[in-house]
Amino acid sequence: MTMFISWLIRYGHIVGAAIWVGGYALLAFFIIPLLGKGPNETLIRLAITTIRVLTYTGTLTMGLGLVLITRTNGFATYFAKNDGRHISGKNSYRIVLFSFLNHSISFRDNT
């Protein structure tokens, strides 16, 4: 049973990361350029929904990653390796960056 739970957590982490990265690609390469051509209420709602989904998906992905660390070798061995220090440094950078960017985005012109 514990192997199934571990597999389920890994699966959720990988699927969440794929949705997270793919959603940002969708937003950056399709939705935002189309919004630049002119305001469209449907695209505005789609962009806002995409941003909300990506926020929850990113949080879930990082949370499941922390659970994976605790269920496998633990934080002591994670930070002892160069990969662990490198990844944790990148994650710290992401947390700081997204805390500055975590504000409501309005695509509407309120003039």
PDB file of N, CA and C in Angstrom:
ATOM      1  N   MET A   1       0.821  -1.198   0.000  1.00  0.00           N
ATOM      2  CA  MET A   1       0.000   0.000   0.000  1.00  0.00           C
ATOM      3  C   MET A   1       0.865   1.262   0.000  1.00  0.00           C
ATOM      4  N   THR A   2       1.995   1.233   0.740  1.00  0.00           N
ATOM      5  CA  THR A   2       2.840   2.427   0.773  1.00  0.00           C
ATOM      6  C   THR A   2       3.487   2.675  -0.587  1.00  0.00           C
ATOM      7  N   MET A   3       3.756   1.611  -1.332  1.00  0.00           N
ATOM      8  CA  MET A   3       4.327   1.795  -2.668  1.00  0.00           C
ATOM      9  C   MET A   3       3.313   2.467  -3.599  1.00  0.00           C
ATOM     10  N   PHE A   4       2.046   2.119  -3.461  1.00  0.00           N
ATOM     11  CA  PHE A   4       1.001   2.740  -4.269  1.00  0.00           C
ATOM     12  C   PHE A   4       0.863   4.222  -3.918  1.00  0.00           C
ATOM     13  N   ILE A   5       0.909   4.552  -2.631  1.00  0.00           N
ATOM     14  CA  ILE A   5       0.806   5.951  -2.198  1.00  0.00           C
ATOM     15  C   ILE A   5       1.998   6.742  -2.732  1.00  0.00           C
ATOM     16  N   SER A   6       3.194   6.168  -2.638  1.00  0.00           N
ATOM     17  CA  SER A   6       4.390   6.831  -3.153  1.00  0.00           C
ATOM     18  C   SER A   6       4.281   7.047  -4.660  1.00  0.00           C
ATOM     19  N   TRP A   7       3.803   6.042  -5.374  1.00  0.00           N
ATOM     20  CA  TRP A   7       3.612   6.172  -6.816  1.00  0.00           C
ATOM     21  C   TRP A   7       2.592   7.260  -7.128  1.00  0.00           C
ATOM     22  N   LEU A   8       1.518   7.319  -6.368  1.00  0.00           N
ATOM     23  CA  LEU A   8       0.471   8.307  -6.583  1.00  0.00           C
ATOM     24  C   LEU A   8       0.992   9.725  -6.354  1.00  0.00           C
ATOM     25  N   ILE A   9       1.825   9.890  -5.333  1.00  0.00           N
ATOM     26  CA  ILE A   9       2.411  11.205  -5.055  1.00  0.00           C
ATOM     27  C   ILE A   9       3.355  11.609  -6.186  1.00  0.00           C
ATOM     28  N   ARG A  10       4.179  10.681  -6.646  1.00  0.00           N
ATOM     29  CA  ARG A  10       5.088  10.977  -7.755  1.00  0.00           C
ATOM     30  C   ARG A  10       4.309  11.320  -9.030  1.00  0.00           C
ATOM     31  N   TYR A  11       3.270  10.566  -9.300  1.00  0.00           N
ATOM     32  CA  TYR A  11       2.438  10.806 -10.469  1.00  0.00           C
ATOM     33  C   TYR A  11       1.811  12.202 -10.392  1.00  0.00           C
ATOM     34  N   GLY A  12       1.269  12.547  -9.234  1.00  0.00           N
ATOM     35  CA  GLY A  12       0.678  13.874  -9.055  1.00  0.00           C
ATOM     36  C   GLY A  12       1.695  14.985  -9.226  1.00  0.00           C
ATOM     37  N   HIS A  13       2.907  14.760  -8.728  1.00  0.00           N
ATOM     38  CA  HIS A  13       3.966  15.760  -8.847  1.00  0.00           C
ATOM     39  C   HIS A  13       4.353  15.976 -10.314  1.00  0.00           C
ATOM     40  N   ILE A  14       4.484  14.898 -11.064  1.00  0.00           N
ATOM     41  CA  ILE A  14       4.886  15.014 -12.470  1.00  0.00           C
ATOM     42  C   ILE A  14       3.767  15.595 -13.328  1.00  0.00           C
ATOM     43  N   VAL A  15       2.553  15.135 -13.116  1.00  0.00           N
ATOM     44  CA  VAL A  15       1.424  15.673 -13.887  1.00  0.00           C
ATOM     45  C   VAL A  15       1.202  17.147 -13.557  1.00  0.00           C
ATOM     46  N   GLY A  16       1.314  17.486 -12.272  1.00  0.00           N
ATOM     47  CA  GLY A  16       1.176  18.886 -11.876  1.00  0.00           C
ATOM     48  C   GLY A  16       2.235  19.765 -12.511  1.00  0.00           C
ATOM     49  N   ALA A  17       3.474  19.278 -12.567  1.00  0.00           N
ATOM     50  CA  ALA A  17       4.544  20.052 -13.200  1.00  0.00           C
ATOM     51  C   ALA A  17       4.293  20.216 -14.693  1.00  0.00           C
ATOM     52  N   ALA A  18       3.797  19.182 -15.338  1.00  0.00           N
ATOM     53  CA  ALA A  18       3.507  19.272 -16.775  1.00  0.00           C
ATOM     54  C   ALA A  18       2.395  20.279 -17.042  1.00  0.00           C
ATOM     55  N   ILE A  19       1.369  20.262 -16.225  1.00  0.00           N
ATOM     56  CA  ILE A  19       0.278  21.238 -16.387  1.00  0.00           C
ATOM     57  C   ILE A  19       0.783  22.639 -16.108  1.00  0.00           C
ATOM     58  N   TRP A  20       1.623  22.772 -15.103  1.00  0.00           N
ATOM     59  CA  TRP A  20       2.174  24.071 -14.731  1.00  0.00           C
ATOM     60  C   TRP A  20       2.999  24.667 -15.871  1.00  0.00           C
ATOM     61  N   VAL A  21       3.926  23.905 -16.412  1.00  0.00           N
ATOM     62  CA  VAL A  21       4.786  24.396 -17.495  1.00  0.00           C
ATOM     63  C   VAL A  21       3.977  24.581 -18.776  1.00  0.00           C
ATOM     64  N   GLY A  22       3.128  23.627 -19.090  1.00  0.00           N
ATOM     65  CA  GLY A  22       2.312  23.739 -20.296  1.00  0.00           C
ATOM     66  C   GLY A  22       1.334  24.894 -20.238  1.00  0.00           C
ATOM     67  N   GLY A  23       0.803  25.150 -19.065  1.00  0.00           N
ATOM     68  CA  GLY A  23      -0.120  26.276 -18.909  1.00  0.00           C
ATOM     69  C   GLY A  23       0.559  27.610 -19.113  1.00  0.00           C
ATOM     70  N   TYR A  24       1.786  27.740 -18.598  1.00  0.00           N
ATOM     71  CA  TYR A  24       2.525  28.982 -18.828  1.00  0.00           C
ATOM     72  C   TYR A  24       2.895  29.137 -20.298  1.00  0.00           C
ATOM     73  N   ALA A  25       3.201  28.042 -20.980  1.00  0.00           N
ATOM     74  CA  ALA A  25       3.483  28.112 -22.413  1.00  0.00           C
ATOM     75  C   ALA A  25       2.231  28.538 -23.180  1.00  0.00           C
ATOM     76  N   LEU A  26       1.096  27.969 -22.823  1.00  0.00           N
ATOM     77  CA  LEU A  26      -0.170  28.362 -23.453  1.00  0.00           C
ATOM     78  C   LEU A  26      -0.448  29.844 -23.231  1.00  0.00           C
ATOM     79  N   LEU A  27      -0.235  30.288 -22.019  1.00  0.00           N
ATOM     80  CA  LEU A  27      -0.477  31.688 -21.686  1.00  0.00           C
ATOM     81  C   LEU A  27       0.482  32.604 -22.452  1.00  0.00           C
ATOM     82  N   ALA A  28       1.756  32.257 -22.468  1.00  0.00           N
ATOM     83  CA  ALA A  28       2.760  33.136 -23.066  1.00  0.00           C
ATOM     84  C   ALA A  28       2.728  33.144 -24.596  1.00  0.00           C
ATOM     85  N   PHE A  29       2.451  31.999 -25.201  1.00  0.00           N
ATOM     86  CA  PHE A  29       2.561  31.922 -26.651  1.00  0.00           C
ATOM     87  C   PHE A  29       1.242  32.123 -27.392  1.00  0.00           C
ATOM     88  N   PHE A  30       0.112  31.958 -26.703  1.00  0.00           N
ATOM     89  CA  PHE A  30      -1.165  32.065 -27.411  1.00  0.00           C
ATOM     90  C   PHE A  30      -2.105  33.103 -26.819  1.00  0.00           C
ATOM     91  N   ILE A  31      -2.384  33.010 -25.530  1.00  0.00           N
ATOM     92  CA  ILE A  31      -3.430  33.864 -24.946  1.00  0.00           C
ATOM     93  C   ILE A  31      -2.998  35.322 -24.872  1.00  0.00           C
ATOM     94  N   ILE A  32      -1.809  35.590 -24.324  1.00  0.00           N
ATOM     95  CA  ILE A  32      -1.353  36.974 -24.174  1.00  0.00           C
ATOM     96  C   ILE A  32      -1.156  37.666 -25.524  1.00  0.00           C
ATOM     97  N   PRO A  33      -0.535  37.021 -26.534  1.00  0.00           N
ATOM     98  CA  PRO A  33      -0.447  37.696 -27.844  1.00  0.00           C
ATOM     99  C   PRO A  33      -1.813  37.988 -28.466  1.00  0.00           C
ATOM    100  N   LEU A  34      -2.766  37.095 -28.274  1.00  0.00           N
ATOM    101  CA  LEU A  34      -4.104  37.373 -28.807  1.00  0.00           C
ATOM    102  C   LEU A  34      -4.774  38.519 -28.058  1.00  0.00           C
ATOM    103  N   LEU A  35      -4.501  38.642 -26.774  1.00  0.00           N
ATOM    104  CA  LEU A  35      -5.044  39.771 -26.019  1.00  0.00           C
ATOM    105  C   LEU A  35      -4.409  41.083 -26.459  1.00  0.00           C
ATOM    106  N   GLY A  36      -3.166  41.017 -26.921  1.00  0.00           N
ATOM    107  CA  GLY A  36      -2.491  42.221 -27.395  1.00  0.00           C
ATOM    108  C   GLY A  36      -3.103  42.779 -28.675  1.00  0.00           C
ATOM    109  N   LYS A  37      -3.746  41.937 -29.439  1.00  0.00           N
ATOM    110  CA  LYS A  37      -4.375  42.391 -30.687  1.00  0.00           C
ATOM    111  C   LYS A  37      -5.653  43.176 -30.429  1.00  0.00           C
ATOM    112  N   GLY A  38      -6.282  42.936 -29.326  1.00  0.00           N
ATOM    113  CA  GLY A  38      -7.503  43.645 -28.992  1.00  0.00           C
ATOM    114  C   GLY A  38      -8.211  42.959 -27.846  1.00  0.00           C
ATOM    115  N   PRO A  39      -8.928  43.747 -27.043  1.00  0.00           N
ATOM    116  CA  PRO A  39      -9.609  43.138 -25.898  1.00  0.00           C
ATOM    117  C   PRO A  39     -10.763  42.230 -26.347  1.00  0.00           C
ATOM    118  N   ASN A  40     -10.794  41.077 -25.759  1.00  0.00           N
ATOM    119  CA  ASN A  40     -11.830  40.104 -26.053  1.00  0.00           C
ATOM    120  C   ASN A  40     -12.253  39.516 -24.711  1.00  0.00           C
ATOM    121  N   GLU A  41     -13.514  39.633 -24.381  1.00  0.00           N
ATOM    122  CA  GLU A  41     -14.003  39.214 -23.060  1.00  0.00           C
ATOM    123  C   GLU A  41     -13.775  37.721 -22.812  1.00  0.00           C
ATOM    124  N   THR A  42     -13.925  36.917 -23.844  1.00  0.00           N
ATOM    125  CA  THR A  42     -13.697  35.478 -23.683  1.00  0.00           C
ATOM    126  C   THR A  42     -12.242  35.179 -23.378  1.00  0.00           C
ATOM    127  N   LEU A  43     -11.327  35.838 -24.079  1.00  0.00           N
ATOM    128  CA  LEU A  43      -9.895  35.631 -23.820  1.00  0.00           C
ATOM    129  C   LEU A  43      -9.495  36.158 -22.449  1.00  0.00           C
ATOM    130  N   ILE A  44     -10.111  37.243 -22.023  1.00  0.00           N
ATOM    131  CA  ILE A  44      -9.813  37.788 -20.690  1.00  0.00           C
ATOM    132  C   ILE A  44     -10.210  36.778 -19.624  1.00  0.00           C
ATOM    133  N   ARG A  45     -11.413  36.216 -19.740  1.00  0.00           N
ATOM    134  CA  ARG A  45     -11.846  35.201 -18.768  1.00  0.00           C
ATOM    135  C   ARG A  45     -10.961  33.966 -18.823  1.00  0.00           C
ATOM    136  N   LEU A  46     -10.544  33.561 -20.036  1.00  0.00           N
ATOM    137  CA  LEU A  46      -9.662  32.415 -20.182  1.00  0.00           C
ATOM    138  C   LEU A  46      -8.297  32.681 -19.533  1.00  0.00           C
ATOM    139  N   ALA A  47      -7.761  33.880 -19.719  1.00  0.00           N
ATOM    140  CA  ALA A  47      -6.471  34.224 -19.125  1.00  0.00           C
ATOM    141  C   ALA A  47      -6.552  34.231 -17.599  1.00  0.00           C
ATOM    142  N   ILE A  48      -7.593  34.801 -17.051  1.00  0.00           N
ATOM    143  CA  ILE A  48      -7.750  34.842 -15.591  1.00  0.00           C
ATOM    144  C   ILE A  48      -7.917  33.435 -15.034  1.00  0.00           C
ATOM    145  N   THR A  49      -8.710  32.614 -15.694  1.00  0.00           N
ATOM    146  CA  THR A  49      -8.891  31.225 -15.243  1.00  0.00           C
ATOM    147  C   THR A  49      -7.586  30.449 -15.337  1.00  0.00           C
ATOM    148  N   THR A  50      -6.836  30.661 -16.411  1.00  0.00           N
ATOM    149  CA  THR A  50      -5.551  29.976 -16.573  1.00  0.00           C
ATOM    150  C   THR A  50      -4.589  30.369 -15.463  1.00  0.00           C
ATOM    151  N   ILE A  51      -4.530  31.640 -15.132  1.00  0.00           N
ATOM    152  CA  ILE A  51      -3.640  32.101 -14.062  1.00  0.00           C
ATOM    153  C   ILE A  51      -4.042  31.478 -12.728  1.00  0.00           C
ATOM    154  N   ARG A  52      -5.333  31.410 -12.460  1.00  0.00           N
ATOM    155  CA  ARG A  52      -5.781  30.796 -11.203  1.00  0.00           C
ATOM    156  C   ARG A  52      -5.433  29.312 -11.151  1.00  0.00           C
ATOM    157  N   VAL A  53      -5.676  28.611 -12.243  1.00  0.00           N
ATOM    158  CA  VAL A  53      -5.351  27.179 -12.285  1.00  0.00           C
ATOM    159  C   VAL A  53      -3.856  26.962 -12.103  1.00  0.00           C
ATOM    160  N   LEU A  54      -3.033  27.798 -12.747  1.00  0.00           N
ATOM    161  CA  LEU A  54      -1.583  27.660 -12.625  1.00  0.00           C
ATOM    162  C   LEU A  54      -1.096  27.953 -11.211  1.00  0.00           C
ATOM    163  N   THR A  55      -1.757  28.856 -10.524  1.00  0.00           N
ATOM    164  CA  THR A  55      -1.392  29.133  -9.137  1.00  0.00           C
ATOM    165  C   THR A  55      -1.616  27.907  -8.269  1.00  0.00           C
ATOM    166  N   TYR A  56      -2.783  27.297  -8.393  1.00  0.00           N
ATOM    167  CA  TYR A  56      -3.081  26.105  -7.593  1.00  0.00           C
ATOM    168  C   TYR A  56      -2.229  24.909  -8.014  1.00  0.00           C
ATOM    169  N   THR A  57      -1.998  24.767  -9.311  1.00  0.00           N
ATOM    170  CA  THR A  57      -1.189  23.649  -9.794  1.00  0.00           C
ATOM    171  C   THR A  57       0.252  23.774  -9.328  1.00  0.00           C
ATOM    172  N   GLY A  58       0.806  24.969  -9.370  1.00  0.00           N
ATOM    173  CA  GLY A  58       2.169  25.177  -8.895  1.00  0.00           C
ATOM    174  C   GLY A  58       2.310  24.908  -7.412  1.00  0.00           C
ATOM    175  N   THR A  59       1.322  25.341  -6.638  1.00  0.00           N
ATOM    176  CA  THR A  59       1.342  25.079  -5.199  1.00  0.00           C
ATOM    177  C   THR A  59       1.254  23.586  -4.917  1.00  0.00           C
ATOM    178  N   LEU A  60       0.383  22.899  -5.624  1.00  0.00           N
ATOM    179  CA  LEU A  60       0.247  21.457  -5.461  1.00  0.00           C
ATOM    180  C   LEU A  60       1.530  20.730  -5.857  1.00  0.00           C
ATOM    181  N   THR A  61       2.152  21.152  -6.953  1.00  0.00           N
ATOM    182  CA  THR A  61       3.387  20.517  -7.416  1.00  0.00           C
ATOM    183  C   THR A  61       4.506  20.677  -6.393  1.00  0.00           C
ATOM    184  N   MET A  62       4.665  21.883  -5.869  1.00  0.00           N
ATOM    185  CA  MET A  62       5.710  22.104  -4.867  1.00  0.00           C
ATOM    186  C   MET A  62       5.402  21.356  -3.572  1.00  0.00           C
ATOM    187  N   GLY A  63       4.137  21.335  -3.181  1.00  0.00           N
ATOM    188  CA  GLY A  63       3.760  20.599  -1.975  1.00  0.00           C
ATOM    189  C   GLY A  63       4.009  19.114  -2.110  1.00  0.00           C
ATOM    190  N   LEU A  64       3.647  18.548  -3.249  1.00  0.00           N
ATOM    191  CA  LEU A  64       3.909  17.124  -3.467  1.00  0.00           C
ATOM    192  C   LEU A  64       5.404  16.837  -3.549  1.00  0.00           C
ATOM    193  N   GLY A  65       6.181  17.799  -4.058  1.00  0.00           N
ATOM    194  CA  GLY A  65       7.629  17.638  -4.065  1.00  0.00           C
ATOM    195  C   GLY A  65       8.196  17.572  -2.655  1.00  0.00           C
ATOM    196  N   LEU A  66       7.677  18.407  -1.761  1.00  0.00           N
ATOM    197  CA  LEU A  66       8.109  18.352  -0.360  1.00  0.00           C
ATOM    198  C   LEU A  66       7.720  17.032   0.288  1.00  0.00           C
ATOM    199  N   VAL A  67       6.532  16.546  -0.035  1.00  0.00           N
ATOM    200  CA  VAL A  67       6.111  15.244   0.499  1.00  0.00           C
ATOM    201  C   VAL A  67       7.020  14.139  -0.021  1.00  0.00           C
ATOM    202  N   LEU A  68       7.409  14.228  -1.294  1.00  0.00           N
ATOM    203  CA  LEU A  68       8.327  13.229  -1.853  1.00  0.00           C
ATOM    204  C   LEU A  68       9.672  13.225  -1.130  1.00  0.00           C
ATOM    205  N   ILE A  69      10.165  14.412  -0.800  1.00  0.00           N
ATOM    206  CA  ILE A  69      11.435  14.482  -0.083  1.00  0.00           C
ATOM    207  C   ILE A  69      11.315  13.798   1.269  1.00  0.00           C
ATOM    208  N   THR A  70      10.231  14.072   1.980  1.00  0.00           N
ATOM    209  CA  THR A  70      10.077  13.483   3.318  1.00  0.00           C
ATOM    210  C   THR A  70       9.832  11.976   3.250  1.00  0.00           C
ATOM    211  N   ARG A  71       9.208  11.493   2.191  1.00  0.00           N
ATOM    212  CA  ARG A  71       8.920  10.052   2.089  1.00  0.00           C
ATOM    213  C   ARG A  71      10.101   9.249   1.561  1.00  0.00           C
ATOM    214  N   THR A  72      11.057   9.884   0.919  1.00  0.00           N
ATOM    215  CA  THR A  72      12.187   9.129   0.377  1.00  0.00           C
ATOM    216  C   THR A  72      13.367   9.183   1.335  1.00  0.00           C
ATOM    217  N   ASN A  73      14.355  10.025   1.083  1.00  0.00           N
ATOM    218  CA  ASN A  73      15.565  10.038   1.904  1.00  0.00           C
ATOM    219  C   ASN A  73      15.568  11.119   2.970  1.00  0.00           C
ATOM    220  N   GLY A  74      14.664  12.047   2.921  1.00  0.00           N
ATOM    221  CA  GLY A  74      14.606  13.112   3.909  1.00  0.00           C
ATOM    222  C   GLY A  74      15.406  14.330   3.496  1.00  0.00           C
ATOM    223  N   PHE A  75      15.249  15.389   4.274  1.00  0.00           N
ATOM    224  CA  PHE A  75      15.887  16.648   3.953  1.00  0.00           C
ATOM    225  C   PHE A  75      17.393  16.629   4.202  1.00  0.00           C
ATOM    226  N   ALA A  76      17.863  15.815   5.134  1.00  0.00           N
ATOM    227  CA  ALA A  76      19.299  15.787   5.443  1.00  0.00           C
ATOM    228  C   ALA A  76      20.105  15.335   4.230  1.00  0.00           C
ATOM    229  N   THR A  77      19.679  14.285   3.580  1.00  0.00           N
ATOM    230  CA  THR A  77      20.401  13.833   2.389  1.00  0.00           C
ATOM    231  C   THR A  77      20.094  14.705   1.179  1.00  0.00           C
ATOM    232  N   TYR A  78      18.932  15.334   1.168  1.00  0.00           N
ATOM    233  CA  TYR A  78      18.563  16.214   0.053  1.00  0.00           C
ATOM    234  C   TYR A  78      19.504  17.408  -0.022  1.00  0.00           C
ATOM    235  N   PHE A  79      19.764  18.054   1.113  1.00  0.00           N
ATOM    236  CA  PHE A  79      20.628  19.230   1.113  1.00  0.00           C
ATOM    237  C   PHE A  79      22.110  18.879   1.110  1.00  0.00           C
ATOM    238  N   ALA A  80      22.460  17.630   1.377  1.00  0.00           N
ATOM    239  CA  ALA A  80      23.864  17.229   1.375  1.00  0.00           C
ATOM    240  C   ALA A  80      24.412  17.077  -0.042  1.00  0.00           C
ATOM    241  N   LYS A  81      23.557  16.822  -0.989  1.00  0.00           N
ATOM    242  CA  LYS A  81      23.990  16.637  -2.374  1.00  0.00           C
ATOM    243  C   LYS A  81      24.004  17.974  -3.104  1.00  0.00           C
ATOM    244  N   ASN A  82      24.827  18.059  -4.136  1.00  0.00           N
ATOM    245  CA  ASN A  82      24.874  19.285  -4.930  1.00  0.00           C
ATOM    246  C   ASN A  82      23.558  19.541  -5.653  1.00  0.00           C
ATOM    247  N   ASP A  83      22.916  18.475  -6.143  1.00  0.00           N
ATOM    248  CA  ASP A  83      21.641  18.650  -6.832  1.00  0.00           C
ATOM    249  C   ASP A  83      20.594  19.246  -5.911  1.00  0.00           C
ATOM    250  N   GLY A  84      20.555  18.757  -4.681  1.00  0.00           N
ATOM    251  CA  GLY A  84      19.573  19.266  -3.728  1.00  0.00           C
ATOM    252  C   GLY A  84      19.797  20.723  -3.390  1.00  0.00           C
ATOM    253  N   ARG A  85      21.051  21.106  -3.223  1.00  0.00           N
ATOM    254  CA  ARG A  85      21.347  22.519  -2.938  1.00  0.00           C
ATOM    255  C   ARG A  85      20.993  23.387  -4.135  1.00  0.00           C
ATOM    256  N   HIS A  86      21.260  22.903  -5.328  1.00  0.00           N
ATOM    257  CA  HIS A  86      20.962  23.665  -6.537  1.00  0.00           C
ATOM    258  C   HIS A  86      19.457  23.837  -6.723  1.00  0.00           C
ATOM    259  N   ILE A  87      18.717  22.754  -6.568  1.00  0.00           N
ATOM    260  CA  ILE A  87      17.262  22.812  -6.747  1.00  0.00           C
ATOM    261  C   ILE A  87      16.625  23.663  -5.660  1.00  0.00           C
ATOM    262  N   SER A  88      17.058  23.518  -4.426  1.00  0.00           N
ATOM    263  CA  SER A  88      16.464  24.314  -3.354  1.00  0.00           C
ATOM    264  C   SER A  88      16.769  25.791  -3.542  1.00  0.00           C
ATOM    265  N   GLY A  89      17.934  26.104  -4.087  1.00  0.00           N
ATOM    266  CA  GLY A  89      18.249  27.500  -4.388  1.00  0.00           C
ATOM    267  C   GLY A  89      17.338  28.064  -5.459  1.00  0.00           C
ATOM    268  N   LYS A  90      17.081  27.271  -6.496  1.00  0.00           N
ATOM    269  CA  LYS A  90      16.161  27.719  -7.542  1.00  0.00           C
ATOM    270  C   LYS A  90      14.750  27.881  -6.993  1.00  0.00           C
ATOM    271  N   ASN A  91      14.337  26.981  -6.115  1.00  0.00           N
ATOM    272  CA  ASN A  91      12.999  27.091  -5.549  1.00  0.00           C
ATOM    273  C   ASN A  91      12.880  28.315  -4.656  1.00  0.00           C
ATOM    274  N   SER A  92      13.937  28.644  -3.922  1.00  0.00           N
ATOM    275  CA  SER A  92      13.919  29.860  -3.106  1.00  0.00           C
ATOM    276  C   SER A  92      13.773  31.087  -3.993  1.00  0.00           C
ATOM    277  N   TYR A  93      14.481  31.083  -5.098  1.00  0.00           N
ATOM    278  CA  TYR A  93      14.381  32.185  -6.054  1.00  0.00           C
ATOM    279  C   TYR A  93      12.955  32.298  -6.591  1.00  0.00           C
ATOM    280  N   ARG A  94      12.329  31.163  -6.913  1.00  0.00           N
ATOM    281  CA  ARG A  94      10.959  31.177  -7.431  1.00  0.00           C
ATOM    282  C   ARG A  94       9.976  31.707  -6.396  1.00  0.00           C
ATOM    283  N   ILE A  95      10.142  31.302  -5.165  1.00  0.00           N
ATOM    284  CA  ILE A  95       9.225  31.759  -4.116  1.00  0.00           C
ATOM    285  C   ILE A  95       9.320  33.270  -3.956  1.00  0.00           C
ATOM    286  N   VAL A  96      10.530  33.806  -3.945  1.00  0.00           N
ATOM    287  CA  VAL A  96      10.700  35.251  -3.812  1.00  0.00           C
ATOM    288  C   VAL A  96      10.131  35.962  -5.031  1.00  0.00           C
ATOM    289  N   LEU A  97      10.434  35.455  -6.218  1.00  0.00           N
ATOM    290  CA  LEU A  97       9.950  36.084  -7.442  1.00  0.00           C
ATOM    291  C   LEU A  97       8.428  36.102  -7.494  1.00  0.00           C
ATOM    292  N   PHE A  98       7.799  34.967  -7.211  1.00  0.00           N
ATOM    293  CA  PHE A  98       6.342  34.911  -7.304  1.00  0.00           C
ATOM    294  C   PHE A  98       5.664  35.646  -6.159  1.00  0.00           C
ATOM    295  N   SER A  99       6.354  35.860  -5.042  1.00  0.00           N
ATOM    296  CA  SER A  99       5.738  36.658  -3.984  1.00  0.00           C
ATOM    297  C   SER A  99       5.650  38.120  -4.414  1.00  0.00           C
ATOM    298  N   PHE A 100       6.620  38.574  -5.223  1.00  0.00           N
ATOM    299  CA  PHE A 100       6.545  39.934  -5.740  1.00  0.00           C
ATOM    300  C   PHE A 100       5.525  40.046  -6.858  1.00  0.00           C
ATOM    301  N   LEU A 101       5.354  38.976  -7.618  1.00  0.00           N
ATOM    302  CA  LEU A 101       4.432  39.018  -8.744  1.00  0.00           C
ATOM    303  C   LEU A 101       3.011  38.607  -8.378  1.00  0.00           C
ATOM    304  N   ASN A 102       2.796  38.203  -7.140  1.00  0.00           N
ATOM    305  CA  ASN A 102       1.482  37.698  -6.741  1.00  0.00           C
ATOM    306  C   ASN A 102       0.546  38.859  -6.429  1.00  0.00           C
ATOM    307  N   HIS A 103       0.049  39.468  -7.460  1.00  0.00           N
ATOM    308  CA  HIS A 103      -0.933  40.525  -7.312  1.00  0.00           C
ATOM    309  C   HIS A 103      -1.995  40.304  -8.378  1.00  0.00           C
ATOM    310  N   SER A 104      -3.131  40.919  -8.181  1.00  0.00           N
ATOM    311  CA  SER A 104      -4.202  40.699  -9.147  1.00  0.00           C
ATOM    312  C   SER A 104      -3.840  41.369 -10.467  1.00  0.00           C
ATOM    313  N   ILE A 105      -4.006  40.640 -11.542  1.00  0.00           N
ATOM    314  CA  ILE A 105      -3.712  41.145 -12.866  1.00  0.00           C
ATOM    315  C   ILE A 105      -5.014  41.512 -13.537  1.00  0.00           C
ATOM    316  N   SER A 106      -5.090  42.732 -14.011  1.00  0.00           N
ATOM    317  CA  SER A 106      -6.305  43.174 -14.661  1.00  0.00           C
ATOM    318  C   SER A 106      -6.016  43.410 -16.139  1.00  0.00           C
ATOM    319  N   PHE A 107      -6.787  42.769 -16.991  1.00  0.00           N
ATOM    320  CA  PHE A 107      -6.655  42.955 -18.426  1.00  0.00           C
ATOM    321  C   PHE A 107      -7.672  43.970 -18.940  1.00  0.00           C
ATOM    322  N   ARG A 108      -8.461  44.500 -18.050  1.00  0.00           N
ATOM    323  CA  ARG A 108      -9.506  45.442 -18.471  1.00  0.00           C
ATOM    324  C   ARG A 108      -8.976  46.865 -18.412  1.00  0.00           C
ATOM    325  N   ASP A 109      -9.422  47.662 -19.347  1.00  0.00           N
ATOM    326  CA  ASP A 109      -9.065  49.063 -19.357  1.00  0.00           C
ATOM    327  C   ASP A 109     -10.122  49.830 -18.575  1.00  0.00           C
ATOM    328  N   ASN A 110      -9.730  50.388 -17.434  1.00  0.00           N
ATOM    329  CA  ASN A 110     -10.705  51.048 -16.559  1.00  0.00           C
ATOM    330  C   ASN A 110     -10.812  52.537 -16.825  1.00  0.00           C
ATOM    331  N   THR A 111     -10.438  53.001 -17.988  1.00  0.00           N
ATOM    332  CA  THR A 111     -10.524  54.430 -18.269  1.00  0.00           C
ATOM    333  C   THR A 111     -11.863  54.814 -18.785  1.00  0.00           C
TER     334      THR A 111
END
